[in-house]
Each structure stands twice: as structure tokens, then as C-alpha cells.
Amino acid sequence: MPLLKHSLRQDHQKIREGWRPLDPGDRRTLGYESRTGLVTGALGKLVTDKELAYAWLYGDLVHADDRAEDRVHGHDIDARFQAGTFLMAHVAIQAIKTLNFLRHLQSEGYTGLEEDVFTERVIARPRRDLTHAKFATAPVGTPVAALEALLDGFSAHPDAGDSDSEAT
């Protein structure tokens, strides 16, 4: 592989610098800081957009943390979601820049990657229709045996098809 041209090294450095502000450990804001509070009370602590975004990403979206609002000083889920979408937009832009840089490197012969790396589908598009023959809900804590008894007593609708066959 040829040595990387100076201009490509600079482009690579810009790509790396573009990812740094997205890191949760980086203290810089992406665009704003916010305080919240009651009309009659004092404002809470100043919180960065990234703190809100990562509270939404890890607290609300991944772990369903019911204390997330406390850690971001009263900012509700709407504020956290707004910051999260702001962060994800920045991530998407940076990912596209990175992909385009890699495509350029590949076209110049720097990567050794095959063309199909950029053209092969990586997003699932399942083509299955599932027929629900039986379905039951119950309060949290209901024993499995009680749910199974509910399902065993269920008769499929005559138009539902053969409930023993796998749907395609």
C-alpha cells in the first residue's frame, strides 16, 4: 500500500477530531446547555446537551432508569430525548463523513478493501409474516402456568389458518 498523502492524513485527522466531541467523557457541549426549574423557584444546575443526551440514551432508552431526571437536575424525558436526537444527528453526520473518507481511501488503493464492502446489504429486511394464533396478557408476576392455562383454553379463529404450521 502506498504511503498516505499529506492531504489525506489531514483529512484523517479531521475525521478523528470530529468524533472527539461526541464522546461522553469530552466535557464540551455540542450546541447548548440548559437549566430547568419551577416558575416560583430557583433554577437547577446547568446541564450540557451531552449530559442530557447520554441520560436519555443510557438511562431512558437502554436501562429504563427511573432516576435519570434526578441526575440531570429536573430535565424531563422530553428534554433528554431532544438532546438525544441532537447527539444522534451529529453521530450520523460523522459516520457519513467517515464512510466517505473510507470510500475515497479505497478508491485510491489505500485500504485493500474489496468493493463489495461498500455495496453488500447490512440492514435486515425480514420477509416473514407471522400469524398469531394465540395471545395472552396478564399482570406482572402472573405465573407462567396460569398464562399457559389461558392459552390452552383458547381456540383459534377459523380464518386464522393452520396454527401448527410455520408462517413464511
N, C-alpha and C. Protein backbone atom coordinates (compact mmCIF):
# COMPACT_ATOMS: atom_id res chain seq x y z
N MET A 1 0.84 -1.18 0.00
CA MET A 1 0.00 0.00 0.00
C MET A 1 0.88 1.25 0.00
N PRO A 2 0.51 2.26 -0.77
CA PRO A 2 1.30 3.49 -0.83
C PRO A 2 1.19 4.27 0.47
N LEU A 3 2.19 5.11 0.72
CA LEU A 3 2.14 5.99 1.88
C LEU A 3 0.99 6.98 1.72
N LEU A 4 0.37 7.31 2.82
CA LEU A 4 -0.76 8.22 2.80
C LEU A 4 -0.29 9.64 2.48
N LYS A 5 -0.93 10.26 1.50
CA LYS A 5 -0.60 11.64 1.12
C LYS A 5 -0.87 12.56 2.30
N HIS A 6 -0.15 13.68 2.30
CA HIS A 6 -0.29 14.66 3.37
C HIS A 6 -1.74 15.14 3.49
N SER A 7 -2.40 15.39 2.38
CA SER A 7 -3.78 15.89 2.42
C SER A 7 -4.73 14.84 3.02
N LEU A 8 -4.47 13.56 2.74
CA LEU A 8 -5.30 12.51 3.31
C LEU A 8 -5.04 12.34 4.80
N ARG A 9 -3.80 12.53 5.22
CA ARG A 9 -3.50 12.50 6.66
C ARG A 9 -4.25 13.62 7.37
N GLN A 10 -4.31 14.79 6.73
CA GLN A 10 -5.06 15.92 7.32
C GLN A 10 -6.55 15.58 7.39
N ASP A 11 -7.08 14.99 6.31
CA ASP A 11 -8.49 14.59 6.31
C ASP A 11 -8.77 13.57 7.41
N HIS A 12 -7.84 12.62 7.59
CA HIS A 12 -7.99 11.62 8.64
C HIS A 12 -8.01 12.29 10.01
N GLN A 13 -7.13 13.24 10.21
CA GLN A 13 -7.09 13.96 11.49
C GLN A 13 -8.41 14.69 11.74
N LYS A 14 -8.98 15.30 10.69
CA LYS A 14 -10.27 16.00 10.83
C LYS A 14 -11.38 15.03 11.21
N ILE A 15 -11.35 13.84 10.62
CA ILE A 15 -12.35 12.81 10.96
C ILE A 15 -12.23 12.45 12.44
N ARG A 16 -11.02 12.20 12.88
CA ARG A 16 -10.80 11.84 14.29
C ARG A 16 -11.24 12.97 15.21
N GLU A 17 -10.92 14.20 14.84
CA GLU A 17 -11.32 15.36 15.66
C GLU A 17 -12.84 15.51 15.68
N GLY A 18 -13.50 15.12 14.60
CA GLY A 18 -14.96 15.20 14.55
C GLY A 18 -15.66 14.25 15.49
N TRP A 19 -15.02 13.11 15.80
CA TRP A 19 -15.62 12.15 16.72
C TRP A 19 -15.40 12.53 18.18
N ARG A 20 -14.33 13.23 18.49
CA ARG A 20 -13.99 13.53 19.90
C ARG A 20 -15.11 14.23 20.67
N PRO A 21 -15.75 15.27 20.12
CA PRO A 21 -16.80 15.94 20.90
C PRO A 21 -18.02 15.06 21.19
N LEU A 22 -18.16 13.95 20.48
CA LEU A 22 -19.31 13.06 20.69
C LEU A 22 -19.08 12.09 21.85
N ASP A 23 -17.85 11.99 22.30
CA ASP A 23 -17.50 11.11 23.40
C ASP A 23 -18.13 11.63 24.69
N PRO A 24 -18.78 10.76 25.48
CA PRO A 24 -19.39 11.23 26.72
C PRO A 24 -18.38 11.79 27.71
N GLY A 25 -17.13 11.38 27.61
CA GLY A 25 -16.10 11.88 28.51
C GLY A 25 -15.59 13.26 28.14
N ASP A 26 -15.88 13.71 26.93
CA ASP A 26 -15.47 15.03 26.47
C ASP A 26 -16.43 16.05 27.08
N ARG A 27 -15.91 17.05 27.77
CA ARG A 27 -16.74 18.00 28.52
C ARG A 27 -17.39 19.07 27.65
N ARG A 28 -17.00 19.19 26.39
CA ARG A 28 -17.57 20.24 25.53
C ARG A 28 -19.03 19.96 25.21
N THR A 29 -19.78 21.02 24.99
CA THR A 29 -21.16 20.86 24.55
C THR A 29 -21.18 20.74 23.03
N LEU A 30 -22.26 20.18 22.51
CA LEU A 30 -22.44 20.14 21.06
C LEU A 30 -23.12 21.40 20.57
N GLY A 31 -24.01 21.96 21.39
CA GLY A 31 -24.72 23.14 20.92
C GLY A 31 -25.36 23.98 22.01
N TYR A 32 -25.66 23.37 23.18
CA TYR A 32 -26.34 24.17 24.20
C TYR A 32 -26.19 23.56 25.58
N GLU A 33 -26.48 24.40 26.57
CA GLU A 33 -26.60 23.99 27.96
C GLU A 33 -27.97 24.46 28.43
N SER A 34 -28.50 23.82 29.46
CA SER A 34 -29.86 24.12 29.87
C SER A 34 -30.00 24.04 31.38
N ARG A 35 -30.92 24.87 31.89
CA ARG A 35 -31.33 24.80 33.29
C ARG A 35 -32.84 24.69 33.31
N THR A 36 -33.34 24.06 34.32
CA THR A 36 -34.79 23.96 34.46
C THR A 36 -35.16 24.19 35.90
N GLY A 37 -36.39 24.56 36.12
CA GLY A 37 -36.88 24.78 37.48
C GLY A 37 -38.31 25.26 37.45
N LEU A 38 -38.88 25.42 38.62
CA LEU A 38 -40.24 25.91 38.74
C LEU A 38 -40.25 27.42 38.55
N VAL A 39 -41.37 27.94 38.09
CA VAL A 39 -41.50 29.38 37.87
C VAL A 39 -41.25 30.15 39.16
N THR A 40 -41.69 29.62 40.28
CA THR A 40 -41.56 30.32 41.57
C THR A 40 -40.28 29.95 42.31
N GLY A 41 -39.48 29.05 41.76
CA GLY A 41 -38.30 28.60 42.46
C GLY A 41 -37.02 28.92 41.71
N ALA A 42 -35.92 28.50 42.30
CA ALA A 42 -34.62 28.71 41.68
C ALA A 42 -34.42 27.72 40.53
N LEU A 43 -33.57 28.12 39.59
CA LEU A 43 -33.22 27.21 38.50
C LEU A 43 -32.27 26.15 39.01
N GLY A 44 -32.32 24.98 38.38
CA GLY A 44 -31.43 23.89 38.74
C GLY A 44 -30.04 24.12 38.16
N LYS A 45 -29.20 23.13 38.34
CA LYS A 45 -27.83 23.17 37.86
C LYS A 45 -27.80 23.21 36.32
N LEU A 46 -26.82 23.89 35.76
CA LEU A 46 -26.62 23.94 34.32
C LEU A 46 -26.19 22.55 33.83
N VAL A 47 -26.88 22.04 32.82
CA VAL A 47 -26.62 20.70 32.30
C VAL A 47 -26.31 20.82 30.81
N THR A 48 -25.30 20.12 30.34
CA THR A 48 -24.93 20.17 28.92
C THR A 48 -25.86 19.29 28.10
N ASP A 49 -25.91 19.60 26.81
CA ASP A 49 -26.71 18.80 25.89
C ASP A 49 -26.24 17.35 25.88
N LYS A 50 -24.94 17.12 26.02
CA LYS A 50 -24.43 15.74 26.02
C LYS A 50 -24.83 14.99 27.29
N GLU A 51 -24.84 15.68 28.43
CA GLU A 51 -25.30 15.02 29.65
C GLU A 51 -26.75 14.58 29.50
N LEU A 52 -27.57 15.46 28.94
CA LEU A 52 -28.97 15.12 28.70
C LEU A 52 -29.09 13.98 27.69
N ALA A 53 -28.32 14.07 26.62
CA ALA A 53 -28.39 13.05 25.56
C ALA A 53 -28.00 11.68 26.09
N TYR A 54 -26.90 11.61 26.83
CA TYR A 54 -26.48 10.30 27.34
C TYR A 54 -27.39 9.81 28.46
N ALA A 55 -28.03 10.73 29.19
CA ALA A 55 -29.04 10.32 30.18
C ALA A 55 -30.21 9.66 29.46
N TRP A 56 -30.59 10.22 28.30
CA TRP A 56 -31.67 9.60 27.51
C TRP A 56 -31.21 8.27 26.93
N LEU A 57 -30.03 8.26 26.31
CA LEU A 57 -29.55 7.07 25.64
C LEU A 57 -29.37 5.90 26.60
N TYR A 58 -28.66 6.13 27.70
CA TYR A 58 -28.38 5.03 28.62
C TYR A 58 -29.42 4.89 29.71
N GLY A 59 -29.96 6.01 30.17
CA GLY A 59 -30.92 5.96 31.27
C GLY A 59 -32.32 5.59 30.84
N ASP A 60 -32.83 6.27 29.82
CA ASP A 60 -34.21 6.05 29.39
C ASP A 60 -34.32 4.92 28.37
N LEU A 61 -33.50 4.97 27.35
CA LEU A 61 -33.62 4.05 26.23
C LEU A 61 -33.10 2.65 26.55
N VAL A 62 -31.94 2.55 27.16
CA VAL A 62 -31.30 1.25 27.38
C VAL A 62 -31.69 0.62 28.72
N HIS A 63 -31.59 1.38 29.80
CA HIS A 63 -31.75 0.79 31.13
C HIS A 63 -33.07 1.13 31.82
N ALA A 64 -33.90 1.98 31.22
CA ALA A 64 -35.16 2.40 31.83
C ALA A 64 -34.95 2.85 33.28
N ASP A 65 -34.00 3.74 33.46
CA ASP A 65 -33.61 4.24 34.77
C ASP A 65 -34.61 5.30 35.24
N ASP A 66 -35.33 5.00 36.30
CA ASP A 66 -36.33 5.95 36.78
C ASP A 66 -35.73 7.11 37.59
N ARG A 67 -34.42 7.12 37.78
CA ARG A 67 -33.76 8.22 38.50
C ARG A 67 -33.02 9.16 37.55
N ALA A 68 -33.17 8.98 36.25
CA ALA A 68 -32.46 9.80 35.27
C ALA A 68 -32.75 11.29 35.47
N GLU A 69 -34.01 11.63 35.75
CA GLU A 69 -34.38 13.03 35.92
C GLU A 69 -33.63 13.67 37.08
N ASP A 70 -33.38 12.92 38.14
CA ASP A 70 -32.63 13.44 39.28
C ASP A 70 -31.19 13.78 38.89
N ARG A 71 -30.58 12.91 38.09
CA ARG A 71 -29.18 13.11 37.71
C ARG A 71 -28.98 14.26 36.73
N VAL A 72 -30.05 14.64 36.02
CA VAL A 72 -29.94 15.77 35.10
C VAL A 72 -30.74 16.96 35.62
N HIS A 73 -30.87 17.01 36.93
CA HIS A 73 -31.40 18.17 37.65
C HIS A 73 -32.75 18.65 37.13
N GLY A 74 -33.70 17.72 37.05
CA GLY A 74 -35.07 18.07 36.74
C GLY A 74 -35.44 18.11 35.27
N HIS A 75 -34.51 17.89 34.37
CA HIS A 75 -34.85 17.87 32.95
C HIS A 75 -35.66 16.60 32.66
N ASP A 76 -36.84 16.78 32.09
CA ASP A 76 -37.73 15.65 31.86
C ASP A 76 -37.32 14.84 30.62
N ILE A 77 -38.07 13.79 30.37
CA ILE A 77 -37.73 12.90 29.26
C ILE A 77 -37.78 13.62 27.92
N ASP A 78 -38.65 14.61 27.77
CA ASP A 78 -38.71 15.36 26.50
C ASP A 78 -37.40 16.11 26.26
N ALA A 79 -36.86 16.74 27.31
CA ALA A 79 -35.59 17.45 27.18
C ALA A 79 -34.45 16.48 26.89
N ARG A 80 -34.48 15.32 27.54
CA ARG A 80 -33.44 14.32 27.32
C ARG A 80 -33.53 13.75 25.90
N PHE A 81 -34.76 13.49 25.43
CA PHE A 81 -34.95 12.98 24.08
C PHE A 81 -34.48 14.00 23.04
N GLN A 82 -34.84 15.27 23.24
CA GLN A 82 -34.41 16.31 22.31
C GLN A 82 -32.89 16.34 22.20
N ALA A 83 -32.21 16.30 23.33
CA ALA A 83 -30.75 16.29 23.33
C ALA A 83 -30.23 15.00 22.69
N GLY A 84 -30.91 13.89 22.93
CA GLY A 84 -30.50 12.62 22.34
C GLY A 84 -30.58 12.64 20.83
N THR A 85 -31.64 13.22 20.29
CA THR A 85 -31.76 13.30 18.83
C THR A 85 -30.71 14.24 18.25
N PHE A 86 -30.39 15.28 18.98
CA PHE A 86 -29.33 16.21 18.56
C PHE A 86 -27.99 15.47 18.49
N LEU A 87 -27.70 14.66 19.51
CA LEU A 87 -26.48 13.87 19.53
C LEU A 87 -26.47 12.85 18.39
N MET A 88 -27.57 12.12 18.21
CA MET A 88 -27.63 11.10 17.17
C MET A 88 -27.48 11.71 15.77
N ALA A 89 -28.00 12.91 15.57
CA ALA A 89 -27.81 13.59 14.28
C ALA A 89 -26.33 13.87 14.05
N HIS A 90 -25.63 14.30 15.09
CA HIS A 90 -24.19 14.53 14.97
C HIS A 90 -23.44 13.23 14.69
N VAL A 91 -23.85 12.16 15.35
CA VAL A 91 -23.22 10.86 15.12
C VAL A 91 -23.44 10.42 13.67
N ALA A 92 -24.66 10.59 13.17
CA ALA A 92 -24.95 10.19 11.79
C ALA A 92 -24.11 10.98 10.80
N ILE A 93 -23.99 12.27 11.00
CA ILE A 93 -23.18 13.10 10.11
C ILE A 93 -21.73 12.65 10.14
N GLN A 94 -21.21 12.40 11.33
CA GLN A 94 -19.81 11.98 11.45
C GLN A 94 -19.60 10.59 10.84
N ALA A 95 -20.59 9.71 10.98
CA ALA A 95 -20.48 8.37 10.38
C ALA A 95 -20.45 8.47 8.85
N ILE A 96 -21.26 9.35 8.29
CA ILE A 96 -21.26 9.54 6.83
C ILE A 96 -19.92 10.11 6.36
N LYS A 97 -19.38 11.06 7.10
CA LYS A 97 -18.06 11.62 6.75
C LYS A 97 -17.00 10.52 6.78
N THR A 98 -17.07 9.68 7.82
CA THR A 98 -16.09 8.60 7.95
C THR A 98 -16.23 7.60 6.80
N LEU A 99 -17.47 7.22 6.48
CA LEU A 99 -17.70 6.30 5.37
C LEU A 99 -17.18 6.88 4.05
N ASN A 100 -17.47 8.15 3.80
CA ASN A 100 -16.99 8.77 2.56
C ASN A 100 -15.46 8.82 2.52
N PHE A 101 -14.84 9.09 3.65
CA PHE A 101 -13.37 9.08 3.71
C PHE A 101 -12.83 7.69 3.40
N LEU A 102 -13.45 6.65 3.97
CA LEU A 102 -13.02 5.28 3.70
C LEU A 102 -13.23 4.90 2.24
N ARG A 103 -14.34 5.34 1.65
CA ARG A 103 -14.57 5.08 0.23
C ARG A 103 -13.48 5.73 -0.62
N HIS A 104 -13.11 6.96 -0.26
CA HIS A 104 -12.05 7.64 -1.01
C HIS A 104 -10.72 6.89 -0.86
N LEU A 105 -10.39 6.49 0.36
CA LEU A 105 -9.16 5.72 0.58
C LEU A 105 -9.18 4.42 -0.24
N GLN A 106 -10.33 3.76 -0.27
CA GLN A 106 -10.45 2.52 -1.03
C GLN A 106 -10.26 2.77 -2.52
N SER A 107 -10.87 3.84 -3.03
CA SER A 107 -10.77 4.13 -4.47
C SER A 107 -9.34 4.50 -4.87
N GLU A 108 -8.56 5.01 -3.91
CA GLU A 108 -7.16 5.36 -4.17
C GLU A 108 -6.21 4.19 -3.92
N GLY A 109 -6.75 3.05 -3.48
CA GLY A 109 -5.93 1.86 -3.26
C GLY A 109 -5.22 1.81 -1.92
N TYR A 110 -5.68 2.57 -0.95
CA TYR A 110 -5.01 2.60 0.36
C TYR A 110 -5.50 1.54 1.34
N THR A 111 -6.68 0.97 1.13
CA THR A 111 -7.24 0.11 2.18
C THR A 111 -7.11 -1.37 1.91
N GLY A 112 -7.10 -1.79 0.68
CA GLY A 112 -7.12 -3.20 0.37
C GLY A 112 -8.51 -3.81 0.53
N LEU A 113 -9.52 -2.97 0.73
CA LEU A 113 -10.89 -3.46 0.86
C LEU A 113 -11.48 -3.75 -0.51
N GLU A 114 -12.27 -4.78 -0.57
CA GLU A 114 -12.98 -5.11 -1.80
C GLU A 114 -14.17 -4.16 -1.96
N GLU A 115 -14.60 -3.94 -3.20
CA GLU A 115 -15.72 -3.04 -3.49
C GLU A 115 -17.01 -3.47 -2.79
N ASP A 116 -17.22 -4.79 -2.66
CA ASP A 116 -18.48 -5.26 -2.08
C ASP A 116 -18.64 -4.89 -0.61
N VAL A 117 -17.55 -4.49 0.05
CA VAL A 117 -17.65 -4.00 1.43
C VAL A 117 -18.60 -2.80 1.49
N PHE A 118 -18.63 -2.02 0.43
CA PHE A 118 -19.45 -0.81 0.40
C PHE A 118 -20.81 -1.05 -0.25
N THR A 119 -21.01 -2.19 -0.87
CA THR A 119 -22.26 -2.41 -1.58
C THR A 119 -23.11 -3.52 -0.98
N GLU A 120 -22.52 -4.41 -0.18
CA GLU A 120 -23.29 -5.51 0.39
C GLU A 120 -24.28 -4.98 1.43
N ARG A 121 -25.47 -5.49 1.39
CA ARG A 121 -26.53 -5.07 2.30
C ARG A 121 -26.19 -5.48 3.73
N VAL A 122 -26.37 -4.55 4.67
CA VAL A 122 -26.12 -4.84 6.08
C VAL A 122 -27.35 -4.59 6.95
N ILE A 123 -28.42 -4.15 6.34
CA ILE A 123 -29.65 -3.88 7.07
C ILE A 123 -30.63 -5.03 6.81
N ALA A 124 -31.16 -5.59 7.86
CA ALA A 124 -32.10 -6.70 7.72
C ALA A 124 -33.42 -6.19 7.16
N ARG A 125 -33.97 -6.95 6.24
CA ARG A 125 -35.31 -6.70 5.71
C ARG A 125 -36.07 -8.02 5.77
N PRO A 126 -36.50 -8.38 6.96
CA PRO A 126 -37.16 -9.68 7.08
C PRO A 126 -38.42 -9.74 6.23
N ARG A 127 -38.60 -10.87 5.60
CA ARG A 127 -39.77 -11.08 4.75
C ARG A 127 -40.60 -12.22 5.33
N ARG A 128 -41.02 -12.03 6.54
CA ARG A 128 -41.82 -13.06 7.20
C ARG A 128 -43.11 -12.44 7.68
N ASP A 129 -44.19 -13.13 7.46
CA ASP A 129 -45.47 -12.76 8.02
C ASP A 129 -45.76 -13.77 9.12
N LEU A 130 -45.94 -13.29 10.31
CA LEU A 130 -46.20 -14.18 11.43
C LEU A 130 -47.69 -14.15 11.75
N THR A 131 -48.26 -15.30 11.89
CA THR A 131 -49.66 -15.41 12.27
C THR A 131 -49.70 -15.68 13.76
N HIS A 132 -50.37 -14.81 14.47
CA HIS A 132 -50.54 -15.01 15.92
C HIS A 132 -51.79 -15.85 16.13
N ALA A 133 -51.61 -17.09 16.50
CA ALA A 133 -52.74 -17.98 16.70
C ALA A 133 -53.30 -17.85 18.12
N LYS A 134 -52.40 -17.58 19.07
CA LYS A 134 -52.81 -17.43 20.47
C LYS A 134 -52.02 -16.29 21.09
N PHE A 135 -52.69 -15.54 21.95
CA PHE A 135 -52.04 -14.40 22.57
C PHE A 135 -52.70 -14.16 23.92
N ALA A 136 -51.91 -13.90 24.94
CA ALA A 136 -52.47 -13.63 26.26
C ALA A 136 -51.63 -12.58 26.96
N THR A 137 -52.28 -11.77 27.76
CA THR A 137 -51.58 -10.83 28.62
C THR A 137 -52.07 -11.03 30.04
N ALA A 138 -51.24 -10.66 30.98
CA ALA A 138 -51.61 -10.79 32.39
C ALA A 138 -50.75 -9.82 33.19
N PRO A 139 -51.15 -9.53 34.41
CA PRO A 139 -50.35 -8.62 35.24
C PRO A 139 -48.96 -9.19 35.51
N VAL A 140 -48.02 -8.29 35.77
CA VAL A 140 -46.66 -8.70 36.12
C VAL A 140 -46.73 -9.63 37.32
N GLY A 141 -45.97 -10.69 37.27
CA GLY A 141 -45.93 -11.64 38.38
C GLY A 141 -46.86 -12.83 38.21
N THR A 142 -47.68 -12.81 37.16
CA THR A 142 -48.57 -13.94 36.91
C THR A 142 -47.72 -15.17 36.61
N PRO A 143 -47.99 -16.28 37.26
CA PRO A 143 -47.19 -17.49 36.99
C PRO A 143 -47.35 -17.94 35.54
N VAL A 144 -46.27 -18.50 35.01
CA VAL A 144 -46.28 -18.99 33.63
C VAL A 144 -47.37 -20.05 33.45
N ALA A 145 -47.55 -20.88 34.44
CA ALA A 145 -48.57 -21.94 34.34
C ALA A 145 -49.95 -21.33 34.13
N ALA A 146 -50.24 -20.19 34.76
CA ALA A 146 -51.53 -19.54 34.58
C ALA A 146 -51.68 -19.00 33.16
N LEU A 147 -50.59 -18.46 32.62
CA LEU A 147 -50.62 -17.98 31.22
C LEU A 147 -50.83 -19.15 30.26
N GLU A 148 -50.13 -20.25 30.51
CA GLU A 148 -50.28 -21.43 29.65
C GLU A 148 -51.69 -21.97 29.71
N ALA A 149 -52.31 -21.93 30.89
CA ALA A 149 -53.70 -22.39 31.03
C ALA A 149 -54.63 -21.50 30.23
N LEU A 150 -54.37 -20.20 30.24
CA LEU A 150 -55.16 -19.28 29.42
C LEU A 150 -55.03 -19.63 27.95
N LEU A 151 -53.81 -19.87 27.51
CA LEU A 151 -53.56 -20.18 26.10
C LEU A 151 -54.15 -21.53 25.71
N ASP A 152 -54.06 -22.51 26.62
CA ASP A 152 -54.62 -23.83 26.32
C ASP A 152 -56.13 -23.78 26.15
N GLY A 153 -56.79 -22.87 26.84
CA GLY A 153 -58.24 -22.75 26.74
C GLY A 153 -58.69 -21.92 25.55
N PHE A 154 -57.76 -21.39 24.82
CA PHE A 154 -58.04 -20.51 23.67
C PHE A 154 -58.30 -21.35 22.43
N SER A 155 -59.31 -21.00 21.65
CA SER A 155 -59.49 -21.66 20.36
C SER A 155 -59.21 -20.65 19.27
N ALA A 156 -58.45 -21.06 18.27
CA ALA A 156 -58.06 -20.17 17.17
C ALA A 156 -59.28 -19.80 16.34
N HIS A 157 -59.25 -18.62 15.80
CA HIS A 157 -60.32 -18.16 14.89
C HIS A 157 -60.28 -19.04 13.65
N PRO A 158 -61.43 -19.43 13.09
CA PRO A 158 -61.45 -20.33 11.92
C PRO A 158 -60.70 -19.78 10.72
N ASP A 159 -60.60 -18.47 10.59
CA ASP A 159 -59.90 -17.88 9.46
C ASP A 159 -58.41 -17.71 9.68
N ALA A 160 -57.93 -18.10 10.87
CA ALA A 160 -56.53 -17.87 11.21
C ALA A 160 -55.60 -18.83 10.47
N GLY A 161 -56.09 -19.85 9.84
CA GLY A 161 -55.22 -20.81 9.16
C GLY A 161 -54.77 -21.89 10.11
N ASP A 162 -53.84 -22.69 9.66
CA ASP A 162 -53.31 -23.79 10.45
C ASP A 162 -52.33 -23.24 11.47
N SER A 163 -52.67 -23.24 12.74
CA SER A 163 -51.82 -22.67 13.78
C SER A 163 -50.58 -23.50 14.05
N ASP A 164 -50.54 -24.75 13.54
CA ASP A 164 -49.37 -25.60 13.77
C ASP A 164 -48.29 -25.39 12.71
N SER A 165 -48.64 -24.75 11.57
CA SER A 165 -47.64 -24.56 10.53
C SER A 165 -46.87 -23.28 10.76
N GLU A 166 -45.62 -23.28 10.34
CA GLU A 166 -44.78 -22.09 10.50
C GLU A 166 -45.10 -21.09 9.40
N ALA A 167 -45.26 -19.84 9.81
CA ALA A 167 -45.56 -18.79 8.83
C ALA A 167 -44.31 -18.45 8.04
N THR A 168 -44.50 -18.03 6.80
CA THR A 168 -43.35 -17.64 5.98
C THR A 168 -43.45 -16.21 5.59
